[in-house]
Protein backbone atom coordinates (compact mmCIF):
# COMPACT_ATOMS: atom_id res chain seq x y z
CA MET A 1 5.27 -22.58 -18.61
CA ALA A 2 1.56 -22.61 -17.91
CA ALA A 3 0.07 -25.88 -16.76
CA GLN A 4 -3.02 -27.50 -18.16
CA VAL A 5 -6.00 -27.14 -15.88
CA GLN A 6 -7.06 -30.03 -13.69
CA ILE A 7 -10.55 -29.80 -12.19
CA TYR A 8 -11.30 -31.37 -8.81
CA ASP A 9 -14.91 -31.62 -7.71
CA THR A 10 -14.25 -33.10 -4.26
CA LEU A 11 -11.62 -32.91 -1.56
CA GLU A 12 -10.89 -36.62 -2.05
CA ASP A 13 -9.97 -35.99 -5.69
CA ALA A 14 -7.64 -33.16 -4.71
CA MET A 15 -5.94 -35.15 -1.95
CA GLY A 16 -5.68 -38.17 -4.25
CA ALA A 17 -3.93 -36.06 -6.86
CA ALA A 18 -1.53 -34.84 -4.19
CA ARG A 19 -0.70 -38.45 -3.23
CA GLY A 20 -0.27 -39.42 -6.87
CA ASP A 21 -3.33 -41.69 -6.90
CA SER A 22 -4.78 -40.09 -10.03
CA HIS A 23 -3.24 -40.39 -13.46
CA SER A 24 -3.54 -37.46 -15.81
CA ASP A 25 -1.60 -35.71 -18.51
CA VAL A 26 -1.32 -32.52 -16.50
CA ILE A 27 1.98 -30.78 -16.96
CA ASN A 28 4.07 -30.72 -13.80
CA PRO A 29 3.52 -27.33 -12.22
CA CYS A 30 6.38 -24.90 -12.11
CA PRO A 31 7.48 -23.47 -8.74
CA TYR A 32 5.43 -20.58 -7.47
CA ARG A 33 6.57 -17.54 -5.56
CA VAL A 34 5.05 -14.60 -3.70
CA TYR A 35 6.65 -11.20 -4.34
CA LYS A 36 6.80 -8.33 -1.86
CA ARG A 37 6.08 -5.89 -4.65
CA ARG A 38 2.50 -7.22 -4.75
CA TRP A 39 1.55 -4.61 -2.14
CA TYR A 40 2.82 -1.81 -4.38
CA ILE A 41 0.83 -3.24 -7.30
CA LEU A 42 -2.26 -3.33 -5.10
CA ALA A 43 -1.71 0.26 -3.91
CA VAL A 44 -1.41 1.57 -7.48
CA TYR A 45 -4.60 -0.18 -8.51
CA CYS A 46 -6.41 1.07 -5.39
CA LEU A 47 -5.58 4.66 -6.35
CA LEU A 48 -7.21 4.07 -9.74
CA ALA A 49 -10.35 2.63 -8.13
CA PHE A 50 -10.40 5.45 -5.56
CA ASN A 51 -10.19 8.12 -8.28
CA GLN A 52 -13.03 6.52 -10.22
CA GLY A 53 -15.25 6.64 -7.13
CA VAL A 54 -14.38 10.29 -6.47
CA ILE A 55 -15.05 11.41 -10.05
CA TRP A 56 -18.31 9.47 -10.31
CA ASN A 57 -19.79 11.08 -7.18
CA THR A 58 -18.45 14.60 -7.76
CA TRP A 59 -21.70 16.42 -8.41
CA GLY A 60 -24.20 14.88 -5.99
CA PRO A 61 -22.79 16.62 -2.87
CA LEU A 62 -22.62 19.94 -4.79
CA LYS A 63 -26.27 20.06 -5.83
CA ASP A 64 -27.15 23.40 -4.22
CA ALA A 65 -23.94 25.10 -5.39
CA MET A 66 -24.28 23.87 -8.97
CA GLN A 67 -27.89 25.02 -9.12
CA SER A 68 -26.85 28.49 -7.99
CA ALA A 69 -23.77 28.92 -10.19
CA TYR A 70 -24.59 26.89 -13.32
CA SER A 71 -28.40 26.64 -13.25
CA TRP A 72 -28.29 22.85 -13.29
CA GLY A 73 -31.60 21.05 -12.93
CA ASN A 74 -32.89 17.57 -12.24
CA PHE A 75 -31.77 16.32 -15.66
CA GLU A 76 -28.09 17.05 -14.97
CA PHE A 77 -28.15 15.56 -11.49
CA GLY A 78 -30.04 12.52 -12.71
CA MET A 79 -28.05 11.93 -15.90
CA LEU A 80 -24.49 12.57 -14.73
CA PRO A 81 -24.32 9.58 -12.33
CA ASN A 82 -26.17 7.40 -14.84
CA TRP A 83 -23.30 7.69 -17.33
CA ALA A 84 -21.36 5.28 -15.11
CA PRO A 85 -23.60 2.21 -15.66
CA ILE A 86 -24.10 3.22 -19.31
CA GLY A 87 -20.36 3.44 -19.88
CA PHE A 88 -19.84 0.22 -17.95
CA VAL A 89 -22.17 -1.73 -20.24
CA ILE A 90 -20.50 -0.25 -23.35
CA ALA A 91 -16.92 -0.91 -22.24
CA LEU A 92 -17.31 -4.22 -20.39
CA ALA A 93 -16.69 -6.67 -23.25
CA PRO A 94 -13.77 -4.70 -24.79
CA SER A 95 -12.16 -4.30 -21.36
CA LEU A 96 -12.39 -8.01 -20.57
CA ILE A 97 -10.97 -8.94 -23.97
CA ILE A 98 -8.05 -6.57 -23.38
CA VAL A 99 -7.39 -8.14 -19.97
CA ASN A 100 -7.42 -11.68 -21.37
CA ARG A 101 -5.27 -10.92 -24.41
CA CYS A 102 -2.94 -8.15 -23.20
CA GLY A 103 -2.87 -8.50 -19.42
CA LEU A 104 -3.59 -6.29 -16.44
CA LYS A 105 -1.16 -3.50 -17.32
CA VAL A 106 -2.68 -2.61 -20.69
CA ALA A 107 -6.20 -2.77 -19.26
CA CYS A 108 -5.32 -0.53 -16.30
CA LEU A 109 -3.47 1.90 -18.57
CA SER A 110 -6.54 2.21 -20.77
CA GLY A 111 -8.81 2.86 -17.79
CA ALA A 112 -6.44 5.38 -16.21
CA SER A 113 -6.02 7.17 -19.56
CA LEU A 114 -9.78 7.51 -20.04
CA MET A 115 -10.18 9.04 -16.59
CA ALA A 116 -7.23 11.41 -17.01
CA VAL A 117 -8.31 12.66 -20.45
CA GLY A 118 -11.89 13.17 -19.32
CA THR A 119 -10.92 15.42 -16.40
CA VAL A 120 -8.96 17.98 -18.45
CA ALA A 121 -11.62 20.04 -20.24
CA PRO A 122 -13.90 20.77 -17.23
CA CYS A 123 -10.97 22.36 -15.37
CA PHE A 124 -10.55 25.12 -17.97
CA LEU A 125 -14.24 25.90 -18.44
CA ALA A 126 -15.46 25.87 -14.84
CA GLN A 127 -14.67 29.52 -14.04
CA SER A 128 -15.88 31.14 -17.25
CA ALA A 129 -19.42 32.52 -17.19
CA SER A 130 -19.39 32.66 -21.00
CA PHE A 131 -18.99 28.89 -21.36
CA THR A 132 -21.59 27.62 -18.90
CA GLU A 133 -23.33 25.47 -21.51
CA ALA A 134 -20.02 24.15 -22.83
CA PHE A 135 -18.96 23.33 -19.27
CA THR A 136 -22.12 21.30 -18.76
CA ILE A 137 -21.48 19.37 -21.97
CA VAL A 138 -17.88 18.50 -21.09
CA CYS A 139 -19.02 17.42 -17.62
CA HIS A 140 -21.28 14.86 -19.32
CA ILE A 141 -18.36 13.76 -21.49
CA ASP A 142 -16.17 13.46 -18.40
CA ALA A 143 -18.86 11.35 -16.70
CA LEU A 144 -19.04 9.09 -19.77
CA PHE A 145 -15.25 8.64 -19.82
CA CYS A 146 -15.41 7.82 -16.13
CA GLY A 147 -18.11 5.25 -16.90
CA LEU A 148 -15.99 3.69 -19.64
CA SER A 149 -13.26 3.11 -17.06
CA CYS A 150 -15.70 1.41 -14.66
CA PRO A 151 -14.96 -2.18 -15.81
CA VAL A 152 -11.27 -1.66 -15.03
CA ALA A 153 -11.97 -0.03 -11.66
CA MET A 154 -14.68 -2.47 -10.55
CA ALA A 155 -14.17 -5.83 -12.28
CA LEU A 156 -10.45 -6.50 -11.90
CA PRO A 157 -9.82 -6.95 -8.13
CA PRO A 158 -10.20 -10.78 -8.20
CA ALA A 159 -8.00 -11.01 -11.30
CA LEU A 160 -5.27 -8.93 -9.68
CA SER A 161 -5.53 -11.01 -6.50
CA ALA A 162 -5.27 -14.28 -8.43
CA VAL A 163 -2.19 -13.14 -10.36
CA TRP A 164 -0.18 -11.53 -7.55
CA PHE A 165 -1.41 -12.93 -4.22
CA PRO A 166 -1.33 -16.41 -2.64
CA PRO A 167 -4.64 -18.15 -1.80
CA GLY A 168 -4.50 -17.09 1.85
CA GLU A 169 -4.35 -13.39 0.90
CA ARG A 170 -6.78 -13.29 -2.00
CA ILE A 171 -9.81 -12.18 0.00
CA LEU A 172 -7.77 -9.49 1.75
CA SER A 173 -6.46 -8.16 -1.56
CA THR A 174 -9.89 -8.25 -3.20
CA SER A 175 -11.41 -6.51 -0.17
CA VAL A 176 -8.89 -3.66 -0.23
CA ALA A 177 -9.19 -3.15 -4.00
CA THR A 178 -13.00 -3.30 -3.97
CA LEU A 179 -13.48 -1.01 -0.99
CA SER A 180 -11.13 1.59 -2.52
CA ASN A 181 -13.83 2.43 -5.04
CA TYR A 182 -16.47 2.79 -2.32
CA VAL A 183 -14.13 4.88 -0.17
CA GLY A 184 -13.54 7.19 -3.14
CA SER A 185 -17.29 7.74 -3.45
CA ALA A 186 -17.49 8.48 0.27
CA PHE A 187 -14.57 10.91 0.25
CA SER A 188 -16.15 12.84 -2.61
CA PHE A 189 -18.63 14.15 -0.03
CA GLN A 190 -15.77 15.51 2.03
CA PHE A 191 -13.93 16.93 -0.99
CA GLY A 192 -17.10 18.67 -2.17
CA HIS A 193 -17.90 20.26 1.18
CA LEU A 194 -14.24 21.16 1.75
CA PHE A 195 -13.68 22.96 -1.56
CA VAL A 196 -17.11 24.30 -2.51
CA LYS A 197 -18.96 26.56 -0.10
CA ASN A 198 -22.51 27.69 -0.75
CA SER A 199 -23.71 30.16 1.85
CA THR A 200 -25.62 33.43 1.72
CA ASN A 201 -22.34 35.36 1.52
CA THR A 202 -20.90 33.26 -1.32
CA THR A 203 -21.00 34.78 -4.80
CA VAL A 204 -21.41 32.89 -8.06
CA GLU A 205 -17.81 33.71 -8.96
CA ASP A 206 -16.61 32.22 -5.68
CA ILE A 207 -18.54 29.02 -6.33
CA ARG A 208 -17.15 28.73 -9.86
CA GLN A 209 -13.61 29.24 -8.62
CA SER A 210 -13.97 26.66 -5.86
CA VAL A 211 -15.47 24.16 -8.33
CA ALA A 212 -12.46 24.71 -10.59
CA HIS A 213 -10.09 24.03 -7.69
CA LEU A 214 -11.90 20.77 -6.94
CA LEU A 215 -11.66 19.72 -10.59
CA TYR A 216 -7.94 20.56 -10.64
CA LEU A 217 -7.47 18.19 -7.70
CA GLU A 218 -9.34 15.39 -9.46
CA CYS A 219 -7.38 15.97 -12.66
CA GLY A 220 -4.08 15.90 -10.77
CA LEU A 221 -4.97 12.64 -9.02
CA ALA A 222 -6.03 11.07 -12.32
CA PHE A 223 -2.77 11.96 -14.09
CA PHE A 224 -0.71 10.90 -11.07
CA SER A 225 -2.42 7.51 -11.18
CA LEU A 226 -1.71 7.24 -14.91
CA LEU A 227 1.95 8.12 -14.32
CA LEU A 228 2.28 5.30 -11.76
CA PHE A 229 0.95 2.76 -14.24
CA VAL A 230 3.33 4.00 -16.93
CA ALA A 231 6.33 3.99 -14.57
CA TYR A 232 5.98 0.48 -13.16
CA PHE A 233 3.06 -1.94 -13.23
CA PRO A 234 4.02 -5.38 -14.59
CA ALA A 235 1.21 -7.44 -16.05
CA LYS A 236 2.17 -10.46 -13.96
CA PRO A 237 5.07 -11.75 -11.84
CA LYS A 238 7.83 -13.87 -13.32
CA LEU A 239 6.64 -16.88 -11.36
CA PRO A 240 2.98 -17.60 -10.49
CA SER A 241 1.72 -16.88 -6.99
CA SER A 242 -0.10 -20.21 -6.59
CA ALA A 243 -0.84 -23.50 -8.30
CA SER A 244 -4.15 -22.27 -9.73
CA ALA A 245 -2.53 -19.09 -11.06
CA GLN A 246 -0.25 -20.98 -13.45
CA VAL A 247 -2.86 -22.92 -15.43
CA ASN A 248 -4.14 -22.02 -18.87
CA ARG A 249 -7.45 -20.19 -18.49
CA LEU A 250 -10.44 -20.36 -20.79
CA SER A 251 -10.72 -17.86 -23.59
CA PHE A 252 -13.28 -15.07 -23.44
CA ARG A 253 -15.62 -16.97 -25.77
CA ASP A 254 -15.26 -20.25 -23.87
CA SER A 255 -15.88 -18.42 -20.60
CA LEU A 256 -19.15 -17.03 -21.94
CA ALA A 257 -20.09 -20.51 -23.13
CA GLN A 258 -19.50 -21.85 -19.63
CA LEU A 259 -21.61 -19.07 -18.12
CA ILE A 260 -24.60 -19.98 -20.29
CA GLY A 261 -24.17 -23.67 -19.60
CA ARG A 262 -22.53 -24.82 -22.84
CA GLY A 263 -19.01 -25.40 -21.60
CA ASP A 264 -17.19 -28.67 -21.30
CA ASN A 265 -18.47 -29.11 -17.75
CA GLY A 266 -21.97 -29.65 -19.15
CA GLY A 267 -25.14 -27.89 -18.05
CA THR A 268 -25.65 -24.56 -16.38
CA CYS A 269 -23.63 -23.97 -13.24
CA PHE A 270 -26.51 -23.47 -10.83
CA ALA A 271 -24.27 -22.38 -7.97
CA LEU A 272 -22.54 -19.75 -10.12
CA TRP A 273 -25.81 -18.31 -11.37
CA SER A 274 -27.15 -18.26 -7.81
CA ALA A 275 -24.10 -16.29 -6.64
CA CYS A 276 -24.40 -13.87 -9.57
CA LEU A 277 -28.12 -13.34 -8.98
CA ALA A 278 -27.61 -12.86 -5.25
CA TYR A 279 -24.88 -10.26 -5.76
CA SER A 280 -26.76 -8.42 -8.51
CA ILE A 281 -29.93 -7.90 -6.51
CA VAL A 282 -28.32 -6.84 -3.23
CA ALA A 283 -25.75 -4.53 -4.82
CA GLY A 284 -28.14 -3.11 -7.42
CA VAL A 285 -31.02 -2.47 -5.03
CA ASN A 286 -28.56 -0.91 -2.58
CA GLY A 287 -27.96 1.84 -5.15
CA GLY A 288 -31.66 2.74 -5.10
CA PHE A 289 -31.73 2.54 -1.32
CA LEU A 290 -28.89 5.05 -1.03
CA ALA A 291 -30.55 7.32 -3.61
CA ALA A 292 -33.70 7.53 -1.49
CA PHE A 293 -31.90 7.50 1.87
CA ASN A 294 -31.89 11.28 2.37
CA LEU A 295 -35.55 11.48 1.37
CA ASN A 296 -36.56 8.86 3.93
CA VAL A 297 -34.54 10.15 6.88
CA GLU A 298 -35.21 13.87 6.37
CA THR A 299 -38.88 13.28 7.15
CA LEU A 300 -37.74 11.88 10.51
CA GLY A 301 -35.97 15.12 11.42
CA ALA A 302 -32.46 14.42 10.11
CA SER A 303 -30.62 17.10 8.15
CA VAL A 304 -28.90 16.68 4.79
CA ALA A 305 -25.51 17.06 6.49
CA GLN A 306 -26.37 14.27 8.93
CA ALA A 307 -27.50 12.02 6.08
CA ASP A 308 -24.28 12.68 4.15
CA ALA A 309 -22.25 11.98 7.28
CA ALA A 310 -24.07 8.68 7.74
CA GLY A 311 -23.16 7.62 4.20
CA PHE A 312 -19.53 8.64 4.67
CA TRP A 313 -19.07 6.81 7.95
CA SER A 314 -20.92 3.76 6.65
CA VAL A 315 -18.30 3.21 3.96
CA LEU A 316 -15.37 3.87 6.29
CA SER A 317 -16.86 1.54 8.88
CA ALA A 318 -17.26 -1.09 6.18
CA GLY A 319 -13.53 -0.86 5.54
CA LEU A 320 -12.71 -1.17 9.24
CA VAL A 321 -14.93 -4.25 9.56
CA CYS A 322 -14.11 -5.86 6.22
CA LEU A 323 -10.33 -5.89 6.58
CA PRO A 324 -10.23 -7.85 9.88
CA VAL A 325 -12.81 -10.26 8.46
CA ALA A 326 -10.67 -10.67 5.33
CA LEU A 327 -7.56 -11.29 7.44
CA LEU A 328 -9.41 -13.96 9.40
CA SER A 329 -10.82 -15.53 6.25
CA GLY A 330 -7.27 -16.13 5.02
CA ARG A 331 -7.23 -19.11 7.37
CA LEU A 332 -10.82 -19.96 6.50
CA ARG A 333 -10.59 -19.42 2.76
CA ASN A 334 -12.43 -22.68 2.09
CA ARG A 335 -15.41 -21.37 4.03
CA LEU A 336 -16.36 -18.50 1.76
CA ARG A 337 -20.04 -19.36 1.65
CA PRO A 338 -20.59 -19.58 5.44
CA CYS A 339 -18.87 -16.21 5.90
CA LEU A 340 -20.99 -14.73 3.13
CA LEU A 341 -24.21 -16.12 4.61
CA ILE A 342 -23.42 -14.61 8.01
CA LEU A 343 -22.74 -11.17 6.50
CA LEU A 344 -25.97 -11.24 4.46
CA LEU A 345 -27.97 -12.31 7.51
CA LEU A 346 -26.55 -9.47 9.62
CA SER A 347 -27.15 -6.97 6.82
CA GLY A 348 -30.75 -8.11 6.37
CA VAL A 349 -31.45 -7.84 10.10
CA ALA A 350 -29.95 -4.33 10.21
CA TYR A 351 -32.03 -3.14 7.24
CA LEU A 352 -35.13 -4.71 8.78
CA CYS A 353 -34.55 -2.73 11.98
CA PHE A 354 -34.02 0.41 9.90
CA SER A 355 -37.35 -0.17 8.13
CA LEU A 356 -39.15 -0.62 11.44
CA THR A 357 -37.55 2.58 12.73
CA CYS A 358 -38.72 4.59 9.72
CA LEU A 359 -42.25 3.30 10.29
CA GLY A 360 -42.15 4.34 13.94
CA ILE A 361 -42.49 0.79 15.27
CA LEU A 362 -39.04 1.15 16.81
CA PRO A 363 -37.98 4.44 18.45
CA THR A 364 -37.10 7.11 15.86
CA TRP A 365 -33.92 8.16 17.60
CA PRO A 366 -31.36 9.67 15.19
CA SER A 367 -28.69 7.45 16.71
CA LEU A 368 -30.77 4.32 16.05
CA ILE A 369 -31.59 5.42 12.50
CA PHE A 370 -27.97 5.92 11.57
CA ALA A 371 -26.71 2.92 13.54
CA THR A 372 -29.04 0.52 11.72
CA SER A 373 -28.41 2.04 8.28
CA CYS A 374 -24.65 2.07 8.83
CA ALA A 375 -24.68 -1.53 10.06
CA GLY A 376 -26.61 -2.64 6.97
CA CYS A 377 -24.13 -0.93 4.65
CA VAL A 378 -21.13 -2.21 6.61
CA PHE A 379 -22.13 -5.86 6.41
CA LEU A 380 -23.27 -5.56 2.79
CA TYR A 381 -20.07 -3.87 1.59
CA SER A 382 -18.04 -6.40 3.56
CA ALA A 383 -19.80 -9.20 1.66
CA VAL A 384 -18.86 -7.90 -1.80
CA PRO A 385 -15.28 -9.33 -1.88
CA PHE A 386 -16.64 -12.69 -0.70
CA PHE A 387 -19.10 -12.69 -3.60
CA PHE A 388 -16.27 -12.06 -6.06
CA GLU A 389 -14.00 -14.75 -4.63
CA LEU A 390 -16.82 -17.30 -4.36
CA ALA A 391 -17.83 -16.77 -8.00
CA ALA A 392 -14.19 -17.01 -9.14
CA ASP A 393 -13.78 -20.32 -7.29
CA LEU A 394 -17.02 -21.71 -8.72
CA ALA A 395 -16.25 -20.70 -12.33
CA TYR A 396 -12.62 -21.88 -12.37
CA PRO A 397 -10.86 -22.18 -14.86
CA ALA A 398 -12.69 -19.19 -16.35
CA PRO A 399 -10.67 -15.95 -15.92
CA GLU A 400 -11.47 -14.01 -12.76
CA SER A 401 -11.88 -10.81 -14.76
CA VAL A 402 -14.67 -12.30 -16.88
CA ILE A 403 -16.55 -13.69 -13.89
CA CYS A 404 -16.26 -10.48 -11.88
CA GLY A 405 -17.28 -8.50 -14.96
CA PHE A 406 -20.36 -10.70 -15.26
CA LEU A 407 -21.27 -10.00 -11.62
CA THR A 408 -20.78 -6.25 -11.93
CA LEU A 409 -22.79 -6.23 -15.17
CA GLY A 410 -25.74 -7.73 -13.32
CA ASN A 411 -25.24 -5.19 -10.54
CA ASN A 412 -25.29 -2.27 -12.99
CA LEU A 413 -28.34 -3.54 -14.87
CA VAL A 414 -30.33 -3.95 -11.66
CA ALA A 415 -29.11 -0.56 -10.43
CA MET A 416 -30.15 1.14 -13.68
CA ALA A 417 -33.64 -0.37 -13.50
CA PHE A 418 -34.08 0.35 -9.81
CA LEU A 419 -32.74 3.90 -10.05
CA GLY A 420 -35.16 4.51 -12.90
CA VAL A 421 -38.02 3.55 -10.59
CA VAL A 422 -36.67 5.77 -7.81
CA THR A 423 -36.09 8.72 -10.15
CA GLY A 424 -39.64 8.36 -11.46
CA GLY A 425 -40.98 8.85 -7.94
CA VAL A 426 -42.82 5.52 -7.86
CA GLY A 427 -44.30 4.64 -4.47
CA VAL A 428 -43.91 8.03 -2.78
CA ASP A 429 -46.30 8.31 0.17
CA LYS A 430 -48.09 11.41 1.44
CA ALA A 431 -45.12 12.31 3.63
CA GLY A 432 -42.79 12.27 0.62
CA ARG A 433 -41.06 9.03 1.60
CA MET A 434 -40.28 5.81 -0.28
CA LEU A 435 -40.49 3.38 2.60
CA TRP A 436 -41.03 0.41 0.29
CA ILE A 437 -37.35 0.70 -0.71
CA ASN A 438 -36.29 0.00 2.88
CA TRP A 439 -38.37 -3.18 2.96
CA THR A 440 -37.06 -4.18 -0.46
CA MET A 441 -33.47 -3.77 0.74
CA ALA A 442 -34.09 -6.07 3.70
CA ALA A 443 -35.97 -8.58 1.53
CA VAL A 444 -33.24 -8.90 -1.12
CA CYS A 445 -30.63 -9.61 1.58
CA PHE A 446 -32.69 -12.56 2.82
CA ALA A 447 -33.46 -13.64 -0.77
CA ALA A 448 -29.75 -13.63 -1.62
CA LEU A 449 -29.05 -15.65 1.51
CA LEU A 450 -31.65 -18.23 0.46
CA ALA A 451 -30.22 -18.43 -3.07
CA LEU A 452 -26.77 -19.24 -1.69
CA VAL A 453 -28.11 -21.79 0.81
CA VAL A 454 -29.91 -23.93 -1.78
CA ALA A 455 -27.06 -23.84 -4.33
CA PRO A 456 -24.27 -26.45 -4.08
CA ALA A 457 -20.77 -25.02 -3.83
CA ARG A 458 -17.76 -26.68 -5.41
CA LEU A 459 -14.79 -24.41 -4.88
CA ARG A 460 -12.76 -25.76 -7.80
CA ARG A 461 -10.03 -23.14 -7.83
CA ASN A 462 -9.49 -23.64 -4.13
CA LEU A 463 -9.34 -27.41 -4.53
CA ALA A 464 -6.63 -27.00 -7.17
CA ASP A 465 -4.56 -25.09 -4.62
CA VAL A 466 -5.41 -27.69 -1.97
CA ALA A 467 -3.99 -30.42 -4.20
CA ALA A 468 -0.75 -28.50 -4.69
CA GLU A 469 -0.38 -27.53 -1.03
CA SER A 470 -1.26 -31.04 0.14
CA GLY A 471 1.38 -32.40 -2.21
CA ASP A 472 3.91 -30.14 -0.51
CA LEU A 473 2.77 -31.35 2.92
CA LEU A 474 3.04 -34.98 1.80
CA GLY A 475 6.50 -34.43 0.37
CA GLU A 476 5.34 -34.69 -3.25
CA GLY A 477 5.93 -31.06 -4.22
CA ASP A 478 8.47 -28.34 -3.90
CA GLY A 479 6.88 -25.17 -2.66
CA LYS A 480 10.19 -23.40 -2.29
CA CYS A 481 11.84 -21.96 -5.32
CA GLU A 482 15.32 -20.81 -6.08
CA GLY A 483 14.25 -18.83 -9.13
CA GLU A 484 14.62 -15.16 -9.76
CA GLY A 485 12.80 -12.48 -7.84
CA GLU A 486 12.33 -11.48 -4.26
CA GLY A 487 9.97 -12.97 -1.73
CA GLU A 488 9.21 -16.48 -0.66
CA ALA A 489 6.73 -19.17 -1.55
CA ILE A 490 3.92 -19.62 0.93
CA VAL A 491 2.89 -23.16 1.77
CA SER A 492 0.27 -23.77 4.44
CA ASN A 493 1.21 -26.11 7.26
CA ASP A 494 -2.29 -26.16 8.69
CA ARG A 495 -4.18 -29.15 7.33
CA ASP A 496 -7.47 -28.00 8.88
CA SER A 497 -7.35 -24.79 6.85
CA LEU A 498 -7.28 -26.89 3.68
CA LEU A 499 -10.60 -28.58 4.35
CA PRO A 500 -13.40 -26.98 2.34
CA SER A 501 -16.78 -26.38 3.86
CA THR A 502 -19.82 -26.38 1.61
């Protein structure tokens, strides 16, 4: 049975509820349990997010080869990646409604099916010289299908974490699921260079054949992911993973009303809008920064291969840094905002140093160029899961999928606008560089930091879990459960970890 939601605005309210000082008509919560199979569920979802990142970034690393074999021009290379934000905007509302009404399994099945179906046709047309135009058309269709699956691959990590993982593991789960998409985009560089060779001794037929082999791999991964969802991917566990996971959530319409300030809580949630704005500008502008990265560093003597390697290692380094931070934040889960502020500050400083290096104020050593750019990406990517979890805590009891979808919508809108400016060649100097983008990237990191500093933070979802866990510590609750299923309930015995920091 789902419990009615109880909102706590302060730690005193939560602790008072745990002691039984408050009187409400809240239904007594049912026992909650953590299942070992949650790691399998996370792994299956990560494969879906990884595949979406690989498919989205298929053609960028193959620019020279595709120009030689298929006569692709700037329109194809500009439009193919833009289908992702276009498809995201189209499919966002339907995807979120499916999640709220049908659960995670149906939503993930729909996203995996779109990706799998879209990858079929390009495989059979890639090698034929007679169907070059048809191949180009189906590649656009494939990119659109990939874009339609974006809400499932990008907006569901916090929802999956809330359903399957206890509060102390939510940030870790969200980090792994979110970074899987970025890692897929990074590995697409390696897949492209591994399968498709474009040298003076390579014929057009060889390029077409190698492109077909790459597409076969992507198609196989997409259908394997779909098969895993069909075989076993329950929408939710039999028992909730935490106290906040068992409450009735707002409907999709009520969640939108809360976002625009017309919910029962009254007024616009300034902190939530500040978090959404901060995430949208840093993540959206980062897309334009990466688009102009090669252009800016090549004028400093770096090769295309070195620039691609910098992007690849930036994402992998982000994973190596983000996971230990997420593990540590499990004990500091009430200090989401301080962790986020530190990551934004470090990212802003790194991008500022990168901007000074590109101007020649700092030494233009290749090692310094790539170290500063990698550091900026590492800290920024590491901050993304914290943005998602912070927004979910602020918007509680709105569904995590709706809130994360709202954040990623803002990200895609800013990215579309900023990429349009970059594609139009606005602000190119005499050396062919767009140095203003570097300064913009550093500025938005500091602007996002300021937006989070001035906004009050009431981590309502976290306080609901604090009340339940404190009740267990005070002897008022029963964290253990003798119900069905494997695993054990997790109850914190560290009172200091329950104290929120705003």
